Amino acid sequence: PTHLRPALSSWTKMMRQTAAALVFALCVISSNANKVNDWSGDTLVPGTATTGECAGDVFPDKMESKFASFEIEYKGNYKVLTNTKENQKYVLYQRGCTRPTTETGVDNYFEVPLTTVWSQSSTINNGLEYIGERKALRAVSGFYTSSYCIHKQAADGYTIDAFNVNYDTANNQWCTWVTNYTTWESKCDGINQAFQDLGVDGVFNWDYVGNSYTDRLPNEIRMSDTSEDTYLKIAEWNKYVAAFFNREKEIQDFDTNMRARWVCSAKAAEDIPAESRQKVLYLDHIWESTSGQYTPKFKIATCTADKAQYKHCEMLKAANTIVANEDVAGLLAKGYTVDANTGEVRGIEAADLVAWAPDVDVIIFAQTWCPVTNADDCTAAFDNILSSLAAIKAVKEKRIFDIGRIQDPFGGTAFFEGAHLEPDVLLEDVVKVTYPEVAPHHELVWLRNMHEEGHGNAHECASHPDKEGCRPTAAQLAGLCVEEERHLLKNDGCPLDPDPDSAPRLLGSWMGPLLSIVAVTAALSRV
């Protein structure tokens, strides 16, 4: 587009001026690196230091938290990692070295790199895969993932579902842990030998309020990613995870590159003229059942700072949209209130929503889950939603998109596992559906047109292969696994790049990170 030419020229000029200096900087980086796990098939060679290596600085690759609610400090042969939201302090000491004794107020000690972990949330799994530690993932809490190779590990019996293997079928109860943390003995009869034999040395426990496993897990590592209020803060929690594997270099390169792409997409959208800006609503709903009939009650995230739901407003603002969620006065005038805990307006009737937002240009509908399992009934339920909102401009013009373009075998959406690692790709999606001319080469990853491509999560690929976001089987995904590949979603690069084939890539070389760093060196300190 013509209005992008000045930006493209600036991009090219900046690259030429700084590329040489950056190449030199990369060349002089020390060849020494943090000791990491070496995986050969299912055989693990831990990244262990010898006694003589424990003196001095054993972590030449370091990182910092710029935005997220954690801090990391390097002290010779150990690191101090603090989750400031949960006030949890962990000491991570190099495997093979003596555990330090000088730190106070420590909640737990971990010998790193960890070798065998249980992930309680799918938001963590893709990050583990990217940094090269997929094989360390020996237990999950449900296979809600679209990762081919994690499903392959499940099919091989290498990675297990900790919930399913610890279910007492006789008494119909989950086996929650008690005080015998050494043997992982549960309240059910006996001990699950398969789980005990794993020897889990780290459990990444999500921060969902009301999590029944809080304070019950040995070797627990408390996460607070999903309670952050921006996507860029959430993404930094992949650094927090990487610290337990000495993978600072891998994740720091990835994070810098990700933020570079985010800035680039935002910069491209900035060139949209004021009169062409689109009004966008981020919308969700809750199913309510009356006599077996399901009707939706809607909820929207307000742009309340410091609330987890604010991240959606951050995304829409970065795409240079007019954010409908910012002004809810019309809803409050009808008697609705803002939830003090979540920052959401909940329980909105369809008629009230239509009256409040008739002129919205684009709706991003943050839900795919069906209250029924039959595909036809699922379609009907979502058709009723579209019908109830038919008077809104976005629905009339067929510009309402859900987040279900990629489903996992159990009906979950890859949006929740991937957007936390790659929010730059999500921003590209938002820019694409809002201003298609800005990102002409981008192919949508998560967003799906509810009118033209489908909706809901009940359509199985075997019987509905034509549906975008159909549900594959675990075996189908496992069959696509290529062990040496890391599961990342499609990213077409900066939309300022006119040729998708020349867009900087995340994998395969240093060139992608190098070019992206060039583009946004100055901007990153402000994002």
Protein backbone atom coordinates (compact mmCIF):
# COMPACT_ATOMS: atom_id res chain seq x y z
CA PRO A 1 0.00 0.00 0.00
CA THR A 2 1.14 3.52 -0.80
CA HIS A 3 0.86 4.76 2.77
CA LEU A 4 3.41 2.14 3.89
CA ARG A 5 6.19 3.16 1.53
CA PRO A 6 7.78 5.80 3.83
CA ALA A 7 7.84 3.29 6.69
CA LEU A 8 9.39 0.64 4.46
CA SER A 9 12.09 3.06 3.35
CA SER A 10 12.84 3.94 6.97
CA TRP A 11 13.01 0.21 7.84
CA THR A 12 15.54 -0.43 5.06
CA LYS A 13 17.71 2.55 5.96
CA MET A 14 17.83 1.60 9.63
CA MET A 15 18.81 -1.99 8.77
CA ARG A 16 21.72 -0.85 6.61
CA GLN A 17 23.03 1.55 9.23
CA THR A 18 23.08 -0.88 12.13
CA ALA A 19 23.49 -4.38 10.69
CA ALA A 20 27.28 -4.29 10.62
CA ALA A 21 27.54 -3.25 14.25
CA LEU A 22 25.13 -5.98 15.35
CA VAL A 23 26.94 -8.68 13.40
CA PHE A 24 30.17 -7.66 15.11
CA ALA A 25 28.45 -7.78 18.50
CA LEU A 26 27.15 -11.28 17.83
CA CYS A 27 30.59 -12.48 16.75
CA VAL A 28 32.29 -11.39 19.95
CA ILE A 29 29.81 -13.12 22.28
CA SER A 30 31.64 -15.66 24.40
CA SER A 31 31.47 -19.22 23.15
CA ASN A 32 30.86 -20.36 26.69
CA ALA A 33 27.22 -21.02 27.51
CA ASN A 34 25.06 -22.18 30.38
CA LYS A 35 25.04 -25.93 30.86
CA VAL A 36 21.83 -27.41 29.48
CA ASN A 37 20.26 -30.83 29.09
CA ASP A 38 21.33 -32.89 26.10
CA TRP A 39 18.54 -35.08 24.75
CA SER A 40 19.26 -38.03 22.50
CA GLY A 41 16.04 -39.91 21.92
CA ASP A 42 14.74 -40.64 25.40
CA THR A 43 18.23 -40.56 26.91
CA LEU A 44 19.07 -37.55 29.03
CA VAL A 45 22.55 -36.22 29.69
CA PRO A 46 22.03 -33.58 32.40
CA GLY A 47 23.87 -30.29 32.17
CA THR A 48 26.03 -30.98 35.21
CA ALA A 49 29.00 -28.93 36.34
CA THR A 50 32.15 -30.53 37.70
CA THR A 51 33.42 -29.52 41.13
CA GLY A 52 36.06 -27.28 39.61
CA GLU A 53 33.47 -25.45 37.52
CA CYS A 54 31.35 -24.43 40.50
CA ALA A 55 33.61 -21.53 41.45
CA GLY A 56 32.98 -18.21 39.78
CA ASP A 57 30.25 -17.36 37.27
CA VAL A 58 28.73 -20.51 35.79
CA PHE A 59 25.90 -18.66 33.98
CA PRO A 60 27.51 -16.56 31.24
CA ASP A 61 24.11 -16.31 29.48
CA LYS A 62 21.89 -14.05 31.56
CA MET A 63 18.54 -12.37 31.17
CA GLU A 64 16.27 -9.96 33.01
CA SER A 65 12.58 -9.35 33.45
CA LYS A 66 11.58 -6.07 31.84
CA PHE A 67 7.83 -6.09 32.45
CA ALA A 68 6.63 -9.26 34.19
CA SER A 69 6.13 -9.73 37.93
CA PHE A 70 9.28 -11.67 38.68
CA GLU A 71 12.93 -10.87 39.34
CA ILE A 72 16.08 -12.83 38.67
CA GLU A 73 19.53 -12.30 40.18
CA TYR A 74 22.69 -14.25 39.30
CA LYS A 75 25.12 -15.11 42.09
CA GLY A 76 27.99 -17.23 40.83
CA ASN A 77 26.75 -20.82 40.71
CA TYR A 78 23.14 -20.10 41.62
CA LYS A 79 20.27 -17.82 40.71
CA VAL A 80 17.62 -16.23 42.89
CA LEU A 81 14.24 -16.21 41.15
CA THR A 82 11.38 -14.37 42.85
CA ASN A 83 7.73 -14.39 41.84
CA THR A 84 6.76 -10.96 43.15
CA LYS A 85 3.01 -11.52 42.68
CA GLU A 86 2.99 -14.59 44.90
CA ASN A 87 5.97 -13.58 47.04
CA GLN A 88 7.69 -16.87 46.25
CA LYS A 89 11.49 -17.01 46.34
CA TYR A 90 13.39 -19.86 44.72
CA VAL A 91 17.10 -20.63 44.65
CA LEU A 92 18.20 -22.36 41.45
CA TYR A 93 21.67 -23.81 41.87
CA GLN A 94 23.79 -25.43 39.18
CA ARG A 95 23.47 -29.19 38.98
CA GLY A 96 26.61 -30.74 40.44
CA CYS A 97 27.33 -27.81 42.77
CA THR A 98 26.66 -27.58 46.50
CA ARG A 99 23.34 -26.08 47.52
CA PRO A 100 23.92 -22.53 48.84
CA THR A 101 23.03 -21.74 52.43
CA THR A 102 23.38 -17.97 52.62
CA GLU A 103 20.01 -16.92 51.20
CA THR A 104 17.12 -16.17 53.57
CA GLY A 105 13.38 -16.44 53.07
CA VAL A 106 13.72 -19.18 50.45
CA ASP A 107 10.55 -21.11 49.62
CA ASN A 108 12.30 -23.89 47.72
CA TYR A 109 15.63 -24.97 46.21
CA PHE A 110 15.99 -26.48 42.73
CA GLU A 111 19.01 -28.11 41.15
CA VAL A 112 19.12 -26.88 37.55
CA PRO A 113 18.68 -27.70 34.83
CA LEU A 114 15.52 -29.56 35.80
CA THR A 115 15.16 -32.88 34.01
CA THR A 116 11.61 -34.12 34.69
CA VAL A 117 8.66 -31.77 35.07
CA TRP A 118 4.90 -31.76 35.39
CA SER A 119 3.15 -28.85 33.67
CA GLN A 120 -0.25 -27.98 35.12
CA SER A 121 -1.11 -25.56 32.32
CA SER A 122 -0.93 -25.80 28.54
CA THR A 123 0.27 -22.19 28.46
CA ILE A 124 3.68 -23.48 29.58
CA ASN A 125 4.12 -26.38 27.17
CA ASN A 126 4.91 -24.50 23.97
CA GLY A 127 7.63 -22.53 25.74
CA LEU A 128 9.26 -25.75 26.95
CA GLU A 129 9.15 -27.09 23.42
CA TYR A 130 10.69 -23.99 21.91
CA ILE A 131 13.70 -23.89 24.27
CA GLY A 132 14.45 -27.56 23.52
CA GLU A 133 13.05 -29.13 26.70
CA ARG A 134 10.00 -30.96 25.37
CA LYS A 135 11.52 -34.24 26.57
CA ALA A 136 11.59 -32.91 30.12
CA LEU A 137 7.78 -32.74 30.00
CA ARG A 138 6.86 -36.09 31.58
CA ALA A 139 3.44 -35.21 33.02
CA VAL A 140 0.64 -32.81 32.09
CA SER A 141 -2.81 -32.02 33.43
CA GLY A 142 -4.74 -33.00 30.32
CA PHE A 143 -3.50 -33.04 26.72
CA TYR A 144 -5.05 -29.72 25.76
CA THR A 145 -2.39 -28.99 23.19
CA SER A 146 -2.02 -28.81 19.43
CA SER A 147 1.66 -29.80 19.60
CA TYR A 148 2.31 -32.77 17.35
CA CYS A 149 5.25 -34.09 19.32
CA ILE A 150 3.69 -33.75 22.75
CA HIS A 151 0.88 -35.96 21.46
CA LYS A 152 3.55 -38.31 20.10
CA GLN A 153 5.14 -38.48 23.55
CA ALA A 154 1.71 -39.29 24.98
CA ALA A 155 1.12 -42.04 22.42
CA ASP A 156 4.49 -43.53 23.31
CA GLY A 157 3.64 -43.47 27.03
CA TYR A 158 6.52 -41.07 27.63
CA THR A 159 4.38 -38.15 28.80
CA ILE A 160 1.39 -39.04 30.98
CA ASP A 161 -1.78 -37.27 32.05
CA ALA A 162 -1.26 -36.84 35.78
CA PHE A 163 -4.99 -36.45 36.40
CA ASN A 164 -6.06 -39.56 34.54
CA VAL A 165 -3.41 -41.90 35.94
CA ASN A 166 -4.29 -40.78 39.45
CA TYR A 167 -8.05 -41.28 39.28
CA ASP A 168 -9.75 -43.69 41.64
CA THR A 169 -12.43 -45.28 39.46
CA ALA A 170 -13.82 -47.39 42.31
CA ASN A 171 -14.66 -44.33 44.41
CA ASN A 172 -15.05 -41.87 41.51
CA GLN A 173 -12.55 -39.35 42.85
CA TRP A 174 -9.36 -37.59 41.85
CA CYS A 175 -6.40 -38.57 43.99
CA THR A 176 -5.15 -35.33 45.51
CA TRP A 177 -1.83 -35.45 47.32
CA VAL A 178 -1.28 -35.67 51.06
CA THR A 179 1.83 -35.12 53.16
CA ASN A 180 3.99 -37.97 51.89
CA TYR A 181 5.81 -35.89 49.30
CA THR A 182 8.68 -38.35 48.98
CA THR A 183 6.55 -41.17 47.59
CA TRP A 184 3.71 -39.05 46.13
CA GLU A 185 1.27 -41.23 48.07
CA SER A 186 -2.34 -40.18 47.48
CA LYS A 187 -5.57 -40.50 49.42
CA CYS A 188 -6.55 -43.31 47.05
CA ASP A 189 -5.57 -46.88 47.87
CA GLY A 190 -1.93 -47.49 47.03
CA ILE A 191 0.50 -45.40 45.02
CA ASN A 192 0.48 -44.79 41.29
CA GLN A 193 3.77 -46.43 40.48
CA ALA A 194 4.03 -44.97 36.98
CA PHE A 195 3.82 -41.44 38.32
CA GLN A 196 6.10 -42.14 41.26
CA ASP A 197 8.76 -43.58 38.96
CA LEU A 198 9.00 -40.35 37.00
CA GLY A 199 10.88 -38.64 39.83
CA VAL A 200 9.41 -35.22 39.07
CA ASP A 201 11.84 -32.49 40.11
CA GLY A 202 9.65 -29.52 39.22
CA VAL A 203 5.90 -28.85 39.01
CA PHE A 204 4.82 -25.70 37.16
CA ASN A 205 1.60 -24.78 38.91
CA TRP A 206 -0.67 -22.19 37.33
CA ASP A 207 -2.10 -19.31 39.30
CA TYR A 208 -5.81 -19.83 38.67
CA VAL A 209 -7.79 -18.64 41.69
CA GLY A 210 -9.25 -21.59 43.55
CA ASN A 211 -6.76 -24.09 42.16
CA SER A 212 -7.36 -27.16 44.33
CA TYR A 213 -3.67 -28.11 44.22
CA THR A 214 -2.40 -24.88 45.78
CA ASP A 215 0.15 -25.60 48.52
CA ARG A 216 -0.15 -29.35 48.00
CA LEU A 217 2.49 -30.03 45.40
CA PRO A 218 6.08 -30.98 46.15
CA ASN A 219 8.70 -29.15 44.10
CA GLU A 220 6.03 -26.65 43.17
CA ILE A 221 6.98 -23.67 41.00
CA ARG A 222 4.28 -21.04 41.25
CA MET A 223 3.39 -19.33 37.97
CA SER A 224 1.60 -15.98 37.70
CA ASP A 225 1.53 -15.53 33.96
CA THR A 226 -2.21 -15.53 33.39
CA SER A 227 -2.85 -12.85 36.02
CA GLU A 228 -0.65 -10.29 34.24
CA ASP A 229 -2.47 -7.41 32.56
CA THR A 230 -0.64 -7.28 29.21
CA TYR A 231 0.36 -9.87 26.65
CA LEU A 232 3.98 -8.75 26.69
CA LYS A 233 4.16 -9.31 30.45
CA ILE A 234 2.60 -12.74 30.04
CA ALA A 235 5.08 -13.69 27.33
CA GLU A 236 8.00 -12.87 29.62
CA TRP A 237 7.00 -15.70 31.93
CA ASN A 238 8.57 -18.00 29.36
CA LYS A 239 11.86 -16.54 30.63
CA TYR A 240 10.86 -17.52 34.15
CA VAL A 241 10.35 -21.12 33.00
CA ALA A 242 13.56 -21.11 30.93
CA ALA A 243 15.60 -20.12 34.01
CA PHE A 244 14.94 -23.59 35.46
CA PHE A 245 16.66 -25.14 32.45
CA ASN A 246 19.57 -22.70 31.98
CA ARG A 247 18.03 -21.78 28.64
CA GLU A 248 18.56 -18.04 28.98
CA LYS A 249 20.10 -17.62 25.56
CA GLU A 250 17.34 -19.39 23.64
CA ILE A 251 14.47 -17.58 25.32
CA GLN A 252 16.15 -14.17 25.36
CA ASP A 253 16.68 -14.33 21.60
CA PHE A 254 13.10 -15.48 21.12
CA ASP A 255 11.62 -12.81 23.40
CA THR A 256 13.57 -9.99 21.76
CA ASN A 257 12.49 -11.17 18.33
CA MET A 258 8.88 -11.55 19.41
CA ARG A 259 8.74 -8.01 20.76
CA ALA A 260 10.41 -6.74 17.59
CA ARG A 261 7.61 -8.22 15.52
CA TRP A 262 4.98 -6.82 17.88
CA VAL A 263 6.42 -3.31 17.52
CA CYS A 264 6.68 -3.70 13.77
CA SER A 265 3.00 -4.69 13.40
CA ALA A 266 1.92 -1.85 15.68
CA LYS A 267 4.02 0.63 13.70
CA ALA A 268 2.43 -0.52 10.45
CA ALA A 269 -1.08 -0.07 11.86
CA GLU A 270 -0.19 3.44 13.05
CA ASP A 271 -0.22 4.63 9.43
CA ILE A 272 -3.98 4.05 9.09
CA PRO A 273 -5.63 7.48 8.62
CA ALA A 274 -7.82 8.66 11.49
CA GLU A 275 -10.96 8.56 9.36
CA SER A 276 -10.30 4.91 8.48
CA ARG A 277 -9.78 3.57 12.00
CA GLN A 278 -12.11 0.71 12.89
CA LYS A 279 -14.11 0.22 16.07
CA VAL A 280 -13.42 -3.21 17.57
CA LEU A 281 -15.12 -5.04 20.44
CA TYR A 282 -13.52 -7.90 22.37
CA LEU A 283 -16.51 -9.99 23.47
CA ASP A 284 -17.07 -13.13 25.53
CA HIS A 285 -20.10 -14.94 26.89
CA ILE A 286 -21.35 -17.44 29.45
CA TRP A 287 -23.84 -20.17 28.58
CA GLU A 288 -26.97 -20.31 30.75
CA SER A 289 -29.28 -23.31 30.72
CA THR A 290 -33.05 -23.15 31.18
CA SER A 291 -35.01 -26.40 30.78
CA GLY A 292 -32.21 -27.81 28.65
CA GLN A 293 -32.10 -24.78 26.36
CA TYR A 294 -28.83 -22.85 26.27
CA THR A 295 -28.81 -19.10 25.89
CA PRO A 296 -25.80 -16.81 26.09
CA LYS A 297 -25.24 -13.96 28.51
CA PHE A 298 -22.44 -11.77 27.32
CA LYS A 299 -19.48 -10.29 29.13
CA ILE A 300 -16.89 -7.77 28.07
CA ALA A 301 -13.48 -6.86 29.42
CA THR A 302 -13.27 -3.21 30.38
CA CYS A 303 -10.00 -1.41 29.98
CA THR A 304 -9.26 -1.40 33.69
CA ALA A 305 -5.53 -1.19 34.31
CA ASP A 306 -3.93 -3.89 36.49
CA LYS A 307 -6.70 -6.40 35.73
CA ALA A 308 -5.86 -9.52 33.72
CA GLN A 309 -8.57 -8.68 31.19
CA TYR A 310 -6.81 -5.42 30.30
CA LYS A 311 -4.51 -7.36 27.97
CA HIS A 312 -7.26 -7.48 25.36
CA CYS A 313 -7.48 -3.69 25.34
CA GLU A 314 -3.70 -3.51 25.05
CA MET A 315 -3.90 -5.74 21.98
CA LEU A 316 -6.63 -3.66 20.31
CA LYS A 317 -4.80 -0.41 21.07
CA ALA A 318 -1.58 -1.79 19.59
CA ALA A 319 -3.55 -2.51 16.39
CA ASN A 320 -4.62 1.18 16.28
CA THR A 321 -8.31 0.42 16.65
CA ILE A 322 -11.04 2.38 18.38
CA VAL A 323 -11.53 0.14 21.41
CA ALA A 324 -15.23 -0.30 22.13
CA ASN A 325 -14.41 -1.86 25.51
CA GLU A 326 -13.09 1.47 26.80
CA ASP A 327 -16.50 3.11 27.12
CA VAL A 328 -19.09 1.06 29.01
CA ALA A 329 -21.09 4.01 30.35
CA GLY A 330 -24.11 2.96 28.28
CA LEU A 331 -24.14 -0.46 29.92
CA LEU A 332 -23.68 0.93 33.41
CA ALA A 333 -26.64 3.22 32.80
CA LYS A 334 -28.76 0.10 32.28
CA GLY A 335 -27.83 -1.21 35.71
CA TYR A 336 -24.88 -3.43 34.84
CA THR A 337 -21.77 -3.19 37.02
CA VAL A 338 -18.04 -3.75 36.64
CA ASP A 339 -16.82 -6.79 38.56
CA ALA A 340 -14.27 -5.53 41.08
CA ASN A 341 -12.12 -8.66 40.80
CA THR A 342 -12.00 -9.17 37.04
CA GLY A 343 -12.76 -5.75 35.60
CA GLU A 344 -15.53 -7.26 33.47
CA VAL A 345 -19.15 -6.32 32.85
CA ARG A 346 -21.05 -9.61 33.04
CA GLY A 347 -24.49 -11.02 32.34
CA ILE A 348 -25.30 -8.65 29.47
CA GLU A 349 -28.49 -9.43 27.57
CA ALA A 350 -28.21 -9.56 23.79
CA ALA A 351 -30.67 -6.70 23.27
CA ASP A 352 -28.71 -4.45 25.62
CA LEU A 353 -25.44 -5.34 23.91
CA VAL A 354 -26.89 -4.48 20.50
CA ALA A 355 -28.25 -1.16 21.77
CA TRP A 356 -24.86 -0.29 23.30
CA ALA A 357 -22.63 -1.24 20.35
CA PRO A 358 -24.61 -1.05 17.08
CA ASP A 359 -21.73 0.59 15.18
CA VAL A 360 -18.89 -1.80 16.03
CA ASP A 361 -16.94 -2.65 12.86
CA VAL A 362 -15.23 -5.85 14.06
CA ILE A 363 -15.99 -8.27 16.90
CA ILE A 364 -13.41 -10.67 18.32
CA PHE A 365 -15.41 -13.37 20.06
CA ALA A 366 -13.30 -15.05 22.70
CA GLN A 367 -15.17 -18.33 22.94
CA THR A 368 -15.53 -21.60 21.03
CA TRP A 369 -16.77 -23.98 23.72
CA CYS A 370 -20.12 -25.65 23.07
CA PRO A 371 -22.54 -26.59 25.84
CA VAL A 372 -23.46 -29.65 23.76
CA THR A 373 -21.34 -32.31 22.04
CA ASN A 374 -23.44 -32.92 18.93
CA ALA A 375 -21.97 -30.93 16.03
CA ASP A 376 -25.34 -29.86 14.60
CA ASP A 377 -26.60 -28.74 18.00
CA CYS A 378 -23.35 -26.88 18.56
CA THR A 379 -23.75 -25.08 15.23
CA ALA A 380 -27.33 -24.17 16.13
CA ALA A 381 -26.27 -22.76 19.50
CA PHE A 382 -23.74 -20.43 17.91
CA ASP A 383 -26.13 -19.55 15.07
CA ASN A 384 -28.50 -18.33 17.77
CA ILE A 385 -25.74 -16.08 19.10
CA LEU A 386 -25.14 -14.58 15.66
CA SER A 387 -28.86 -14.14 15.17
CA SER A 388 -29.24 -12.33 18.50
CA LEU A 389 -26.49 -9.87 17.49
CA ALA A 390 -27.62 -9.46 13.88
CA ALA A 391 -28.29 -5.73 14.22
CA ILE A 392 -24.65 -4.94 15.06
CA LYS A 393 -22.69 -3.64 12.06
CA ALA A 394 -19.89 -6.21 12.45
CA VAL A 395 -22.33 -9.10 12.35
CA LYS A 396 -24.29 -7.69 9.41
CA GLU A 397 -21.03 -7.28 7.47
CA LYS A 398 -19.75 -10.72 8.52
CA ARG A 399 -16.76 -9.38 10.44
CA ILE A 400 -17.12 -11.35 13.65
CA PHE A 401 -14.21 -13.67 14.43
CA ASP A 402 -13.76 -16.27 17.15
CA ILE A 403 -10.49 -17.80 18.42
CA GLY A 404 -11.08 -21.36 17.17
CA ARG A 405 -9.01 -21.68 14.02
CA ILE A 406 -6.84 -24.40 15.61
CA GLN A 407 -8.51 -26.96 17.89
CA ASP A 408 -6.91 -29.69 19.95
CA PRO A 409 -8.34 -33.23 20.16
CA PHE A 410 -10.30 -32.40 23.32
CA GLY A 411 -12.03 -29.28 22.04
CA GLY A 412 -9.64 -26.73 23.42
CA THR A 413 -8.28 -23.95 21.27
CA ALA A 414 -4.60 -23.34 20.54
CA PHE A 415 -5.24 -19.67 21.26
CA PHE A 416 -4.83 -20.26 24.98
CA GLU A 417 -1.60 -22.23 24.64
CA GLY A 418 0.01 -20.17 21.90
CA ALA A 419 -0.94 -16.53 22.34
CA HIS A 420 1.01 -16.39 25.61
CA LEU A 421 4.19 -17.40 23.81
CA GLU A 422 3.62 -15.58 20.54
CA PRO A 423 1.42 -12.52 21.14
CA ASP A 424 3.05 -10.94 18.10
CA VAL A 425 1.24 -13.50 15.93
CA LEU A 426 -2.04 -12.64 17.65
CA LEU A 427 -1.45 -8.96 16.96
CA GLU A 428 -0.85 -9.82 13.30
CA ASP A 429 -4.21 -11.63 13.27
CA VAL A 430 -5.98 -8.61 14.78
CA VAL A 431 -4.37 -6.25 12.28
CA LYS A 432 -5.27 -8.60 9.43
CA VAL A 433 -9.00 -8.77 10.23
CA THR A 434 -9.20 -5.06 11.02
CA TYR A 435 -6.98 -3.57 8.32
CA PRO A 436 -6.37 -6.28 5.68
CA GLU A 437 -4.37 -3.90 3.51
CA VAL A 438 -1.72 -3.51 6.22
CA ALA A 439 -0.90 -7.24 6.39
CA PRO A 440 -1.75 -8.58 2.93
CA HIS A 441 0.54 -11.63 3.20
CA HIS A 442 -0.44 -12.75 6.68
CA GLU A 443 -2.47 -15.94 6.97
CA LEU A 444 -4.71 -16.06 10.02
CA VAL A 445 -3.50 -18.32 12.83
CA TRP A 446 -6.10 -18.11 15.61
CA LEU A 447 -8.96 -15.93 14.42
CA ARG A 448 -11.74 -17.57 12.41
CA ASN A 449 -14.63 -15.89 10.58
CA MET A 450 -17.74 -17.18 12.33
CA HIS A 451 -19.98 -16.56 9.31
CA GLU A 452 -17.79 -17.95 6.57
CA GLU A 453 -15.50 -20.52 8.21
CA GLY A 454 -17.35 -22.06 11.12
CA HIS A 455 -17.82 -21.80 14.85
CA GLY A 456 -17.95 -23.94 17.97
CA ASN A 457 -15.66 -26.83 18.84
CA ALA A 458 -17.73 -29.95 18.17
CA HIS A 459 -16.93 -30.65 14.53
CA GLU A 460 -14.55 -33.60 14.17
CA CYS A 461 -12.17 -33.48 11.23
CA ALA A 462 -13.07 -37.04 10.22
CA SER A 463 -16.66 -36.04 9.43
CA HIS A 464 -16.22 -32.29 8.80
CA PRO A 465 -12.83 -31.89 7.08
CA ASP A 466 -14.05 -28.71 5.36
CA LYS A 467 -14.51 -26.87 8.66
CA GLU A 468 -11.78 -24.49 9.77
CA GLY A 469 -10.97 -25.41 13.34
CA CYS A 470 -12.31 -28.93 13.13
CA ARG A 471 -11.23 -31.25 15.94
CA PRO A 472 -8.40 -33.65 15.01
CA THR A 473 -7.63 -36.89 16.82
CA ALA A 474 -4.56 -37.22 19.03
CA ALA A 475 -3.28 -39.93 16.70
CA GLN A 476 -3.51 -37.59 13.72
CA LEU A 477 -1.42 -34.96 15.47
CA ALA A 478 1.09 -37.51 16.77
CA GLY A 479 1.59 -38.74 13.22
CA LEU A 480 2.76 -35.27 12.16
CA CYS A 481 5.57 -35.11 14.73
CA VAL A 482 9.06 -34.39 13.45
CA GLU A 483 11.26 -34.72 16.53
CA GLU A 484 13.81 -32.07 15.65
CA GLU A 485 11.19 -29.39 14.99
CA ARG A 486 9.90 -27.00 17.61
CA HIS A 487 6.18 -26.36 17.59
CA LEU A 488 5.64 -22.73 16.69
CA LEU A 489 2.66 -21.26 14.93
CA LYS A 490 2.87 -19.50 11.58
CA ASN A 491 4.34 -16.02 11.76
CA ASP A 492 4.62 -14.14 8.49
CA GLY A 493 7.08 -11.60 9.80
CA CYS A 494 6.76 -7.87 9.90
CA PRO A 495 3.88 -6.68 7.69
CA LEU A 496 6.15 -3.93 6.40
CA ASP A 497 8.01 -6.61 4.48
CA PRO A 498 6.35 -6.77 1.03
CA ASP A 499 7.54 -10.29 0.28
CA PRO A 500 6.36 -13.09 2.63
CA ASP A 501 9.18 -15.34 1.44
CA SER A 502 11.78 -12.86 2.66
CA ALA A 503 10.17 -12.21 6.02
CA PRO A 504 12.51 -12.84 8.97
CA ARG A 505 11.86 -16.25 10.52
CA LEU A 506 12.26 -17.50 14.05
CA LEU A 507 13.85 -20.82 13.19
CA GLY A 508 16.79 -21.98 11.15
CA SER A 509 19.29 -19.15 11.43
CA TRP A 510 20.41 -16.05 13.28
CA MET A 511 19.10 -13.83 10.49
CA GLY A 512 15.52 -13.57 11.75
CA PRO A 513 16.45 -12.32 15.23
CA LEU A 514 19.15 -10.09 13.76
CA LEU A 515 16.84 -8.31 11.32
CA SER A 516 14.11 -7.87 13.90
CA ILE A 517 16.52 -6.48 16.48
CA VAL A 518 17.68 -3.95 13.89
CA ALA A 519 14.14 -2.78 13.29
CA VAL A 520 13.19 -1.97 16.84
CA THR A 521 16.30 -1.42 18.93
CA ALA A 522 15.07 1.96 20.13
CA ALA A 523 11.43 1.00 20.48
CA LEU A 524 11.87 -2.08 22.67
CA SER A 525 12.85 -0.12 25.74
CA ARG A 526 9.42 1.51 25.67
CA VAL A 527 7.29 -1.58 25.00
